[in-house]
Amino acid sequence: MAPALHPDDDGITQEVVRFLAWLKKRGASQRLIYCTKKWETKGIRPKEICRGPARGRMRCKNDPSTGEKWVVLDDLVWADNLMIEFGEEIPHHSQWTEL
């Protein structure tokens, strides 16, 4: 089992975890340009996250048919664990009340 990350480890912040939660909720992949426009005002740069704290767990890839760049979250378990640790977990429909 991987060691738990704490707020300042590897550049993971509350805003980065919110971005991961947002991305995961939307199918774990979104167009890079859309992510950048939406999160730039909050200081989140998806390309930098892919290259830094989420290296090997999240990536930017090109769609060969359209040439668009996409942000893809590969390690959903890692993202879930971060969301739980930072209190940003998105519950399933029937789990909105605390169990």
PDB file of N, CA and C in Angstrom:
ATOM      1  N   MET A   1       0.842  -1.181   0.000  1.00  0.00           N
ATOM      2  CA  MET A   1       0.000   0.000   0.000  1.00  0.00           C
ATOM      3  C   MET A   1       0.883   1.239   0.000  1.00  0.00           C
ATOM      4  N   ALA A   2       0.533   2.222  -0.819  1.00  0.00           N
ATOM      5  CA  ALA A   2       1.322   3.440  -0.942  1.00  0.00           C
ATOM      6  C   ALA A   2       1.163   4.304   0.299  1.00  0.00           C
ATOM      7  N   PRO A   3       2.217   5.030   0.668  1.00  0.00           N
ATOM      8  CA  PRO A   3       2.106   5.901   1.835  1.00  0.00           C
ATOM      9  C   PRO A   3       1.134   7.041   1.562  1.00  0.00           C
ATOM     10  N   ALA A   4       0.462   7.476   2.604  1.00  0.00           N
ATOM     11  CA  ALA A   4      -0.511   8.565   2.464  1.00  0.00           C
ATOM     12  C   ALA A   4       0.214   9.876   2.174  1.00  0.00           C
ATOM     13  N   LEU A   5      -0.372  10.697   1.337  1.00  0.00           N
ATOM     14  CA  LEU A   5       0.187  12.005   1.030  1.00  0.00           C
ATOM     15  C   LEU A   5      -0.407  13.037   1.974  1.00  0.00           C
ATOM     16  N   HIS A   6       0.372  14.014   2.315  1.00  0.00           N
ATOM     17  CA  HIS A   6      -0.089  15.096   3.163  1.00  0.00           C
ATOM     18  C   HIS A   6      -0.128  16.373   2.346  1.00  0.00           C
ATOM     19  N   PRO A   7      -0.798  17.423   2.821  1.00  0.00           N
ATOM     20  CA  PRO A   7      -1.063  18.596   2.000  1.00  0.00           C
ATOM     21  C   PRO A   7       0.114  19.164   1.219  1.00  0.00           C
ATOM     22  N   ASP A   8       1.326  19.171   1.752  1.00  0.00           N
ATOM     23  CA  ASP A   8       2.431  19.786   1.031  1.00  0.00           C
ATOM     24  C   ASP A   8       3.320  18.786   0.288  1.00  0.00           C
ATOM     25  N   ASP A   9       3.019  17.493   0.349  1.00  0.00           N
ATOM     26  CA  ASP A   9       3.831  16.491  -0.328  1.00  0.00           C
ATOM     27  C   ASP A   9       3.630  16.554  -1.835  1.00  0.00           C
ATOM     28  N   ASP A  10       4.695  16.587  -2.576  1.00  0.00           N
ATOM     29  CA  ASP A  10       4.687  16.510  -4.032  1.00  0.00           C
ATOM     30  C   ASP A  10       3.853  17.596  -4.709  1.00  0.00           C
ATOM     31  N   GLY A  11       3.603  18.709  -4.069  1.00  0.00           N
ATOM     32  CA  GLY A  11       2.860  19.791  -4.697  1.00  0.00           C
ATOM     33  C   GLY A  11       1.354  19.583  -4.750  1.00  0.00           C
ATOM     34  N   ILE A  12       0.851  18.611  -4.027  1.00  0.00           N
ATOM     35  CA  ILE A  12      -0.589  18.365  -3.997  1.00  0.00           C
ATOM     36  C   ILE A  12      -1.229  19.379  -3.049  1.00  0.00           C
ATOM     37  N   THR A  13      -2.178  20.151  -3.566  1.00  0.00           N
ATOM     38  CA  THR A  13      -2.898  21.130  -2.759  1.00  0.00           C
ATOM     39  C   THR A  13      -4.395  20.841  -2.838  1.00  0.00           C
ATOM     40  N   GLN A  14      -5.155  21.565  -2.045  1.00  0.00           N
ATOM     41  CA  GLN A  14      -6.605  21.414  -2.042  1.00  0.00           C
ATOM     42  C   GLN A  14      -7.179  21.695  -3.428  1.00  0.00           C
ATOM     43  N   GLU A  15      -6.652  22.711  -4.112  1.00  0.00           N
ATOM     44  CA  GLU A  15      -7.161  23.049  -5.448  1.00  0.00           C
ATOM     45  C   GLU A  15      -6.840  21.952  -6.469  1.00  0.00           C
ATOM     46  N   VAL A  16      -5.664  21.344  -6.361  1.00  0.00           N
ATOM     47  CA  VAL A  16      -5.308  20.247  -7.261  1.00  0.00           C
ATOM     48  C   VAL A  16      -6.259  19.071  -7.044  1.00  0.00           C
ATOM     49  N   VAL A  17      -6.580  18.787  -5.785  1.00  0.00           N
ATOM     50  CA  VAL A  17      -7.497  17.691  -5.479  1.00  0.00           C
ATOM     51  C   VAL A  17      -8.892  18.018  -6.003  1.00  0.00           C
ATOM     52  N   ARG A  18      -9.313  19.279  -5.912  1.00  0.00           N
ATOM     53  CA  ARG A  18     -10.615  19.673  -6.474  1.00  0.00           C
ATOM     54  C   ARG A  18     -10.629  19.479  -7.987  1.00  0.00           C
ATOM     55  N   PHE A  19      -9.517  19.789  -8.640  1.00  0.00           N
ATOM     56  CA  PHE A  19      -9.418  19.564 -10.076  1.00  0.00           C
ATOM     57  C   PHE A  19      -9.524  18.076 -10.402  1.00  0.00           C
ATOM     58  N   LEU A  20      -8.829  17.244  -9.629  1.00  0.00           N
ATOM     59  CA  LEU A  20      -8.895  15.791  -9.846  1.00  0.00           C
ATOM     60  C   LEU A  20     -10.318  15.278  -9.647  1.00  0.00           C
ATOM     61  N   ALA A  21     -11.005  15.790  -8.629  1.00  0.00           N
ATOM     62  CA  ALA A  21     -12.391  15.371  -8.378  1.00  0.00           C
ATOM     63  C   ALA A  21     -13.293  15.791  -9.539  1.00  0.00           C
ATOM     64  N   TRP A  22     -13.097  17.000 -10.019  1.00  0.00           N
ATOM     65  CA  TRP A  22     -13.868  17.509 -11.156  1.00  0.00           C
ATOM     66  C   TRP A  22     -13.625  16.648 -12.394  1.00  0.00           C
ATOM     67  N   LEU A  23     -12.366  16.329 -12.652  1.00  0.00           N
ATOM     68  CA  LEU A  23     -12.014  15.517 -13.816  1.00  0.00           C
ATOM     69  C   LEU A  23     -12.582  14.109 -13.701  1.00  0.00           C
ATOM     70  N   LYS A  24     -12.469  13.517 -12.526  1.00  0.00           N
ATOM     71  CA  LYS A  24     -12.982  12.163 -12.318  1.00  0.00           C
ATOM     72  C   LYS A  24     -14.493  12.110 -12.501  1.00  0.00           C
ATOM     73  N   LYS A  25     -15.182  13.128 -12.032  1.00  0.00           N
ATOM     74  CA  LYS A  25     -16.638  13.172 -12.150  1.00  0.00           C
ATOM     75  C   LYS A  25     -17.082  13.257 -13.614  1.00  0.00           C
ATOM     76  N   ARG A  26     -16.222  13.772 -14.455  1.00  0.00           N
ATOM     77  CA  ARG A  26     -16.540  13.930 -15.875  1.00  0.00           C
ATOM     78  C   ARG A  26     -15.927  12.837 -16.739  1.00  0.00           C
ATOM     79  N   GLY A  27     -15.779  11.656 -16.181  1.00  0.00           N
ATOM     80  CA  GLY A  27     -15.313  10.514 -16.952  1.00  0.00           C
ATOM     81  C   GLY A  27     -13.817  10.342 -16.988  1.00  0.00           C
ATOM     82  N   ALA A  28     -13.089  11.099 -16.181  1.00  0.00           N
ATOM     83  CA  ALA A  28     -11.629  11.006 -16.047  1.00  0.00           C
ATOM     84  C   ALA A  28     -10.884  11.449 -17.296  1.00  0.00           C
ATOM     85  N   SER A  29     -11.549  12.158 -18.209  1.00  0.00           N
ATOM     86  CA  SER A  29     -10.853  12.744 -19.355  1.00  0.00           C
ATOM     87  C   SER A  29     -11.650  13.929 -19.887  1.00  0.00           C
ATOM     88  N   GLN A  30     -10.920  14.981 -20.211  1.00  0.00           N
ATOM     89  CA  GLN A  30     -11.509  16.195 -20.775  1.00  0.00           C
ATOM     90  C   GLN A  30     -10.497  16.825 -21.721  1.00  0.00           C
ATOM     91  N   ARG A  31     -10.997  17.660 -22.631  1.00  0.00           N
ATOM     92  CA  ARG A  31     -10.093  18.364 -23.540  1.00  0.00           C
ATOM     93  C   ARG A  31      -9.211  19.321 -22.742  1.00  0.00           C
ATOM     94  N   LEU A  32      -7.935  19.383 -23.090  1.00  0.00           N
ATOM     95  CA  LEU A  32      -6.972  20.216 -22.379  1.00  0.00           C
ATOM     96  C   LEU A  32      -7.378  21.681 -22.430  1.00  0.00           C
ATOM     97  N   ILE A  33      -7.840  22.144 -23.561  1.00  0.00           N
ATOM     98  CA  ILE A  33      -8.198  23.558 -23.700  1.00  0.00           C
ATOM     99  C   ILE A  33      -9.359  23.915 -22.769  1.00  0.00           C
ATOM    100  N   TYR A  34     -10.311  23.007 -22.616  1.00  0.00           N
ATOM    101  CA  TYR A  34     -11.443  23.239 -21.716  1.00  0.00           C
ATOM    102  C   TYR A  34     -10.972  23.268 -20.264  1.00  0.00           C
ATOM    103  N   CYS A  35     -10.127  22.319 -19.896  1.00  0.00           N
ATOM    104  CA  CYS A  35      -9.590  22.277 -18.530  1.00  0.00           C
ATOM    105  C   CYS A  35      -8.818  23.559 -18.212  1.00  0.00           C
ATOM    106  N   THR A  36      -8.010  23.986 -19.158  1.00  0.00           N
ATOM    107  CA  THR A  36      -7.186  25.174 -18.952  1.00  0.00           C
ATOM    108  C   THR A  36      -8.059  26.409 -18.773  1.00  0.00           C
ATOM    109  N   LYS A  37      -9.052  26.579 -19.640  1.00  0.00           N
ATOM    110  CA  LYS A  37      -9.936  27.747 -19.529  1.00  0.00           C
ATOM    111  C   LYS A  37     -10.684  27.760 -18.206  1.00  0.00           C
ATOM    112  N   LYS A  38     -11.177  26.601 -17.785  1.00  0.00           N
ATOM    113  CA  LYS A  38     -11.983  26.524 -16.569  1.00  0.00           C
ATOM    114  C   LYS A  38     -11.157  26.729 -15.308  1.00  0.00           C
ATOM    115  N   TRP A  39      -9.957  26.173 -15.252  1.00  0.00           N
ATOM    116  CA  TRP A  39      -9.195  26.147 -14.008  1.00  0.00           C
ATOM    117  C   TRP A  39      -8.071  27.171 -13.926  1.00  0.00           C
ATOM    118  N   GLU A  40      -7.779  27.874 -15.013  1.00  0.00           N
ATOM    119  CA  GLU A  40      -6.685  28.840 -15.006  1.00  0.00           C
ATOM    120  C   GLU A  40      -6.919  29.962 -13.993  1.00  0.00           C
ATOM    121  N   THR A  41      -8.166  30.390 -13.839  1.00  0.00           N
ATOM    122  CA  THR A  41      -8.467  31.464 -12.892  1.00  0.00           C
ATOM    123  C   THR A  41      -8.231  31.040 -11.449  1.00  0.00           C
ATOM    124  N   LYS A  42      -8.227  29.733 -11.189  1.00  0.00           N
ATOM    125  CA  LYS A  42      -7.995  29.221  -9.840  1.00  0.00           C
ATOM    126  C   LYS A  42      -6.543  28.826  -9.618  1.00  0.00           C
ATOM    127  N   GLY A  43      -5.692  29.123 -10.587  1.00  0.00           N
ATOM    128  CA  GLY A  43      -4.273  28.840 -10.442  1.00  0.00           C
ATOM    129  C   GLY A  43      -3.875  27.411 -10.761  1.00  0.00           C
ATOM    130  N   ILE A  44      -4.763  26.673 -11.420  1.00  0.00           N
ATOM    131  CA  ILE A  44      -4.483  25.281 -11.766  1.00  0.00           C
ATOM    132  C   ILE A  44      -4.074  25.212 -13.232  1.00  0.00           C
ATOM    133  N   ARG A  45      -2.932  24.592 -13.481  1.00  0.00           N
ATOM    134  CA  ARG A  45      -2.461  24.382 -14.848  1.00  0.00           C
ATOM    135  C   ARG A  45      -2.361  22.872 -15.071  1.00  0.00           C
ATOM    136  N   PRO A  46      -3.331  22.294 -15.789  1.00  0.00           N
ATOM    137  CA  PRO A  46      -3.377  20.838 -15.961  1.00  0.00           C
ATOM    138  C   PRO A  46      -2.088  20.224 -16.512  1.00  0.00           C
ATOM    139  N   LYS A  47      -1.439  20.907 -17.459  1.00  0.00           N
ATOM    140  CA  LYS A  47      -0.188  20.364 -18.014  1.00  0.00           C
ATOM    141  C   LYS A  47       0.877  20.222 -16.935  1.00  0.00           C
ATOM    142  N   GLU A  48       0.967  21.216 -16.054  1.00  0.00           N
ATOM    143  CA  GLU A  48       1.968  21.177 -14.986  1.00  0.00           C
ATOM    144  C   GLU A  48       1.655  20.079 -13.973  1.00  0.00           C
ATOM    145  N   ILE A  49       0.381  19.835 -13.724  1.00  0.00           N
ATOM    146  CA  ILE A  49      -0.002  18.764 -12.804  1.00  0.00           C
ATOM    147  C   ILE A  49       0.394  17.412 -13.399  1.00  0.00           C
ATOM    148  N   CYS A  50       0.163  17.245 -14.702  1.00  0.00           N
ATOM    149  CA  CYS A  50       0.523  15.987 -15.375  1.00  0.00           C
ATOM    150  C   CYS A  50       2.021  15.737 -15.320  1.00  0.00           C
ATOM    151  N   ARG A  51       2.800  16.792 -15.433  1.00  0.00           N
ATOM    152  CA  ARG A  51       4.255  16.655 -15.438  1.00  0.00           C
ATOM    153  C   ARG A  51       4.850  16.608 -14.047  1.00  0.00           C
ATOM    154  N   GLY A  52       4.107  17.110 -13.050  1.00  0.00           N
ATOM    155  CA  GLY A  52       4.635  17.202 -11.699  1.00  0.00           C
ATOM    156  C   GLY A  52       4.027  16.200 -10.742  1.00  0.00           C
ATOM    157  N   PRO A  53       3.100  16.673  -9.882  1.00  0.00           N
ATOM    158  CA  PRO A  53       2.595  15.813  -8.809  1.00  0.00           C
ATOM    159  C   PRO A  53       1.841  14.574  -9.275  1.00  0.00           C
ATOM    160  N   ALA A  54       1.268  14.610 -10.455  1.00  0.00           N
ATOM    161  CA  ALA A  54       0.481  13.454 -10.925  1.00  0.00           C
ATOM    162  C   ALA A  54       1.212  12.663 -12.006  1.00  0.00           C
ATOM    163  N   ARG A  55       2.503  12.829 -12.092  1.00  0.00           N
ATOM    164  CA  ARG A  55       3.279  12.131 -13.126  1.00  0.00           C
ATOM    165  C   ARG A  55       3.106  10.616 -12.994  1.00  0.00           C
ATOM    166  N   GLY A  56       2.732   9.984 -14.088  1.00  0.00           N
ATOM    167  CA  GLY A  56       2.507   8.551 -14.090  1.00  0.00           C
ATOM    168  C   GLY A  56       1.088   8.160 -13.696  1.00  0.00           C
ATOM    169  N   ARG A  57       0.323   9.115 -13.214  1.00  0.00           N
ATOM    170  CA  ARG A  57      -1.050   8.841 -12.795  1.00  0.00           C
ATOM    171  C   ARG A  57      -2.067   9.604 -13.640  1.00  0.00           C
ATOM    172  N   MET A  58      -1.594  10.629 -14.309  1.00  0.00           N
ATOM    173  CA  MET A  58      -2.430  11.470 -15.148  1.00  0.00           C
ATOM    174  C   MET A  58      -1.560  11.920 -16.319  1.00  0.00           C
ATOM    175  N   ARG A  59      -2.150  12.067 -17.488  1.00  0.00           N
ATOM    176  CA  ARG A  59      -1.329  12.421 -18.651  1.00  0.00           C
ATOM    177  C   ARG A  59      -2.105  13.291 -19.630  1.00  0.00           C
ATOM    178  N   CYS A  60      -1.354  13.959 -20.484  1.00  0.00           N
ATOM    179  CA  CYS A  60      -1.925  14.681 -21.612  1.00  0.00           C
ATOM    180  C   CYS A  60      -1.668  13.817 -22.839  1.00  0.00           C
ATOM    181  N   LYS A  61      -2.699  13.608 -23.643  1.00  0.00           N
ATOM    182  CA  LYS A  61      -2.518  12.782 -24.835  1.00  0.00           C
ATOM    183  C   LYS A  61      -3.190  13.457 -26.020  1.00  0.00           C
ATOM    184  N   ASN A  62      -2.716  13.116 -27.192  1.00  0.00           N
ATOM    185  CA  ASN A  62      -3.299  13.641 -28.429  1.00  0.00           C
ATOM    186  C   ASN A  62      -4.319  12.658 -28.977  1.00  0.00           C
ATOM    187  N   ASP A  63      -5.436  13.196 -29.433  1.00  0.00           N
ATOM    188  CA  ASP A  63      -6.431  12.387 -30.126  1.00  0.00           C
ATOM    189  C   ASP A  63      -6.004  12.337 -31.595  1.00  0.00           C
ATOM    190  N   PRO A  64      -5.639  11.161 -32.105  1.00  0.00           N
ATOM    191  CA  PRO A  64      -5.122  11.086 -33.480  1.00  0.00           C
ATOM    192  C   PRO A  64      -6.139  11.501 -34.550  1.00  0.00           C
ATOM    193  N   SER A  65      -7.411  11.336 -34.277  1.00  0.00           N
ATOM    194  CA  SER A  65      -8.407  11.660 -35.295  1.00  0.00           C
ATOM    195  C   SER A  65      -8.668  13.158 -35.413  1.00  0.00           C
ATOM    196  N   THR A  66      -8.609  13.889 -34.282  1.00  0.00           N
ATOM    197  CA  THR A  66      -8.899  15.324 -34.323  1.00  0.00           C
ATOM    198  C   THR A  66      -7.674  16.190 -34.065  1.00  0.00           C
ATOM    199  N   GLY A  67      -6.644  15.618 -33.470  1.00  0.00           N
ATOM    200  CA  GLY A  67      -5.442  16.381 -33.144  1.00  0.00           C
ATOM    201  C   GLY A  67      -5.568  17.161 -31.842  1.00  0.00           C
ATOM    202  N   GLU A  68      -6.713  17.047 -31.161  1.00  0.00           N
ATOM    203  CA  GLU A  68      -6.895  17.753 -29.895  1.00  0.00           C
ATOM    204  C   GLU A  68      -6.127  17.064 -28.779  1.00  0.00           C
ATOM    205  N   LYS A  69      -5.695  17.865 -27.807  1.00  0.00           N
ATOM    206  CA  LYS A  69      -5.031  17.314 -26.630  1.00  0.00           C
ATOM    207  C   LYS A  69      -6.078  17.095 -25.542  1.00  0.00           C
ATOM    208  N   TRP A  70      -5.937  15.978 -24.843  1.00  0.00           N
ATOM    209  CA  TRP A  70      -6.847  15.598 -23.770  1.00  0.00           C
ATOM    210  C   TRP A  70      -6.074  15.381 -22.489  1.00  0.00           C
ATOM    211  N   VAL A  71      -6.688  15.681 -21.360  1.00  0.00           N
ATOM    212  CA  VAL A  71      -6.146  15.356 -20.044  1.00  0.00           C
ATOM    213  C   VAL A  71      -6.853  14.085 -19.606  1.00  0.00           C
ATOM    214  N   VAL A  72      -6.068  13.056 -19.278  1.00  0.00           N
ATOM    215  CA  VAL A  72      -6.626  11.756 -18.915  1.00  0.00           C
ATOM    216  C   VAL A  72      -6.098  11.353 -17.546  1.00  0.00           C
ATOM    217  N   LEU A  73      -7.032  11.031 -16.641  1.00  0.00           N
ATOM    218  CA  LEU A  73      -6.687  10.550 -15.310  1.00  0.00           C
ATOM    219  C   LEU A  73      -6.660   9.033 -15.364  1.00  0.00           C
ATOM    220  N   ASP A  74      -5.452   8.457 -15.255  1.00  0.00           N
ATOM    221  CA  ASP A  74      -5.293   7.006 -15.375  1.00  0.00           C
ATOM    222  C   ASP A  74      -5.471   6.273 -14.053  1.00  0.00           C
ATOM    223  N   ASP A  75      -5.003   6.846 -12.969  1.00  0.00           N
ATOM    224  CA  ASP A  75      -5.007   6.172 -11.668  1.00  0.00           C
ATOM    225  C   ASP A  75      -6.168   6.694 -10.817  1.00  0.00           C
ATOM    226  N   LEU A  76      -7.333   6.087 -10.991  1.00  0.00           N
ATOM    227  CA  LEU A  76      -8.538   6.536 -10.291  1.00  0.00           C
ATOM    228  C   LEU A  76      -8.474   6.241  -8.791  1.00  0.00           C
ATOM    229  N   VAL A  77      -7.822   5.164  -8.410  1.00  0.00           N
ATOM    230  CA  VAL A  77      -7.708   4.815  -6.990  1.00  0.00           C
ATOM    231  C   VAL A  77      -6.864   5.857  -6.268  1.00  0.00           C
ATOM    232  N   TRP A  78      -5.780   6.280  -6.869  1.00  0.00           N
ATOM    233  CA  TRP A  78      -4.921   7.331  -6.294  1.00  0.00           C
ATOM    234  C   TRP A  78      -5.727   8.611  -6.102  1.00  0.00           C
ATOM    235  N   ALA A  79      -6.509   8.993  -7.115  1.00  0.00           N
ATOM    236  CA  ALA A  79      -7.332  10.197  -7.020  1.00  0.00           C
ATOM    237  C   ALA A  79      -8.378  10.050  -5.917  1.00  0.00           C
ATOM    238  N   ASP A  80      -9.011   8.884  -5.820  1.00  0.00           N
ATOM    239  CA  ASP A  80      -9.991   8.647  -4.757  1.00  0.00           C
ATOM    240  C   ASP A  80      -9.363   8.786  -3.379  1.00  0.00           C
ATOM    241  N   ASN A  81      -8.187   8.213  -3.199  1.00  0.00           N
ATOM    242  CA  ASN A  81      -7.505   8.290  -1.908  1.00  0.00           C
ATOM    243  C   ASN A  81      -7.168   9.735  -1.546  1.00  0.00           C
ATOM    244  N   LEU A  82      -6.728  10.518  -2.523  1.00  0.00           N
ATOM    245  CA  LEU A  82      -6.453  11.936  -2.269  1.00  0.00           C
ATOM    246  C   LEU A  82      -7.726  12.683  -1.904  1.00  0.00           C
ATOM    247  N   MET A  83      -8.807  12.396  -2.627  1.00  0.00           N
ATOM    248  CA  MET A  83     -10.074  13.073  -2.338  1.00  0.00           C
ATOM    249  C   MET A  83     -10.563  12.752  -0.932  1.00  0.00           C
ATOM    250  N   ILE A  84     -10.405  11.513  -0.504  1.00  0.00           N
ATOM    251  CA  ILE A  84     -10.809  11.126   0.853  1.00  0.00           C
ATOM    252  C   ILE A  84      -9.948  11.855   1.876  1.00  0.00           C
ATOM    253  N   GLU A  85      -8.641  11.883   1.640  1.00  0.00           N
ATOM    254  CA  GLU A  85      -7.720  12.515   2.580  1.00  0.00           C
ATOM    255  C   GLU A  85      -7.962  14.014   2.714  1.00  0.00           C
ATOM    256  N   PHE A  86      -8.294  14.676   1.616  1.00  0.00           N
ATOM    257  CA  PHE A  86      -8.504  16.118   1.625  1.00  0.00           C
ATOM    258  C   PHE A  86      -9.969  16.497   1.863  1.00  0.00           C
ATOM    259  N   GLY A  87     -10.839  15.519   2.044  1.00  0.00           N
ATOM    260  CA  GLY A  87     -12.243  15.808   2.300  1.00  0.00           C
ATOM    261  C   GLY A  87     -13.009  16.291   1.085  1.00  0.00           C
ATOM    262  N   GLU A  88     -12.582  15.904  -0.104  1.00  0.00           N
ATOM    263  CA  GLU A  88     -13.217  16.328  -1.349  1.00  0.00           C
ATOM    264  C   GLU A  88     -13.905  15.178  -2.066  1.00  0.00           C
ATOM    265  N   GLU A  89     -14.174  14.106  -1.361  1.00  0.00           N
ATOM    266  CA  GLU A  89     -14.766  12.930  -1.996  1.00  0.00           C
ATOM    267  C   GLU A  89     -16.153  13.255  -2.532  1.00  0.00           C
ATOM    268  N   ILE A  90     -16.440  12.775  -3.729  1.00  0.00           N
ATOM    269  CA  ILE A  90     -17.748  12.962  -4.338  1.00  0.00           C
ATOM    270  C   ILE A  90     -18.519  11.663  -4.164  1.00  0.00           C
ATOM    271  N   PRO A  91     -19.523  11.653  -3.289  1.00  0.00           N
ATOM    272  CA  PRO A  91     -20.244  10.412  -3.051  1.00  0.00           C
ATOM    273  C   PRO A  91     -21.134  10.018  -4.214  1.00  0.00           C
ATOM    274  N   HIS A  92     -21.470   8.759  -4.247  1.00  0.00           N
ATOM    275  CA  HIS A  92     -22.405   8.251  -5.241  1.00  0.00           C
ATOM    276  C   HIS A  92     -23.791   8.769  -4.883  1.00  0.00           C
ATOM    277  N   HIS A  93     -24.740   8.677  -5.811  1.00  0.00           N
ATOM    278  CA  HIS A  93     -26.073   9.270  -5.640  1.00  0.00           C
ATOM    279  C   HIS A  93     -26.699   8.978  -4.284  1.00  0.00           C
ATOM    280  N   SER A  94     -26.699   7.742  -3.872  1.00  0.00           N
ATOM    281  CA  SER A  94     -27.417   7.368  -2.648  1.00  0.00           C
ATOM    282  C   SER A  94     -26.573   7.561  -1.392  1.00  0.00           C
ATOM    283  N   GLN A  95     -25.346   8.066  -1.512  1.00  0.00           N
ATOM    284  CA  GLN A  95     -24.473   8.170  -0.347  1.00  0.00           C
ATOM    285  C   GLN A  95     -24.208   9.606   0.068  1.00  0.00           C
ATOM    286  N   TRP A  96     -25.104  10.518  -0.232  1.00  0.00           N
ATOM    287  CA  TRP A  96     -24.864  11.908   0.119  1.00  0.00           C
ATOM    288  C   TRP A  96     -24.936  12.136   1.627  1.00  0.00           C
ATOM    289  N   THR A  97     -25.718  11.329   2.329  1.00  0.00           N
ATOM    290  CA  THR A  97     -25.734  11.448   3.775  1.00  0.00           C
ATOM    291  C   THR A  97     -24.584  10.634   4.339  1.00  0.00           C
ATOM    292  N   GLU A  98     -24.015  11.119   5.426  1.00  0.00           N
ATOM    293  CA  GLU A  98     -22.872  10.413   6.007  1.00  0.00           C
ATOM    294  C   GLU A  98     -23.326   9.092   6.597  1.00  0.00           C
ATOM    295  N   LEU A  99     -22.613   8.033   6.264  1.00  0.00           N
ATOM    296  CA  LEU A  99     -22.987   6.693   6.737  1.00  0.00           C
ATOM    297  C   LEU A  99     -22.416   6.429   8.106  1.00  0.00           C
TER     298      LEU A  99
END
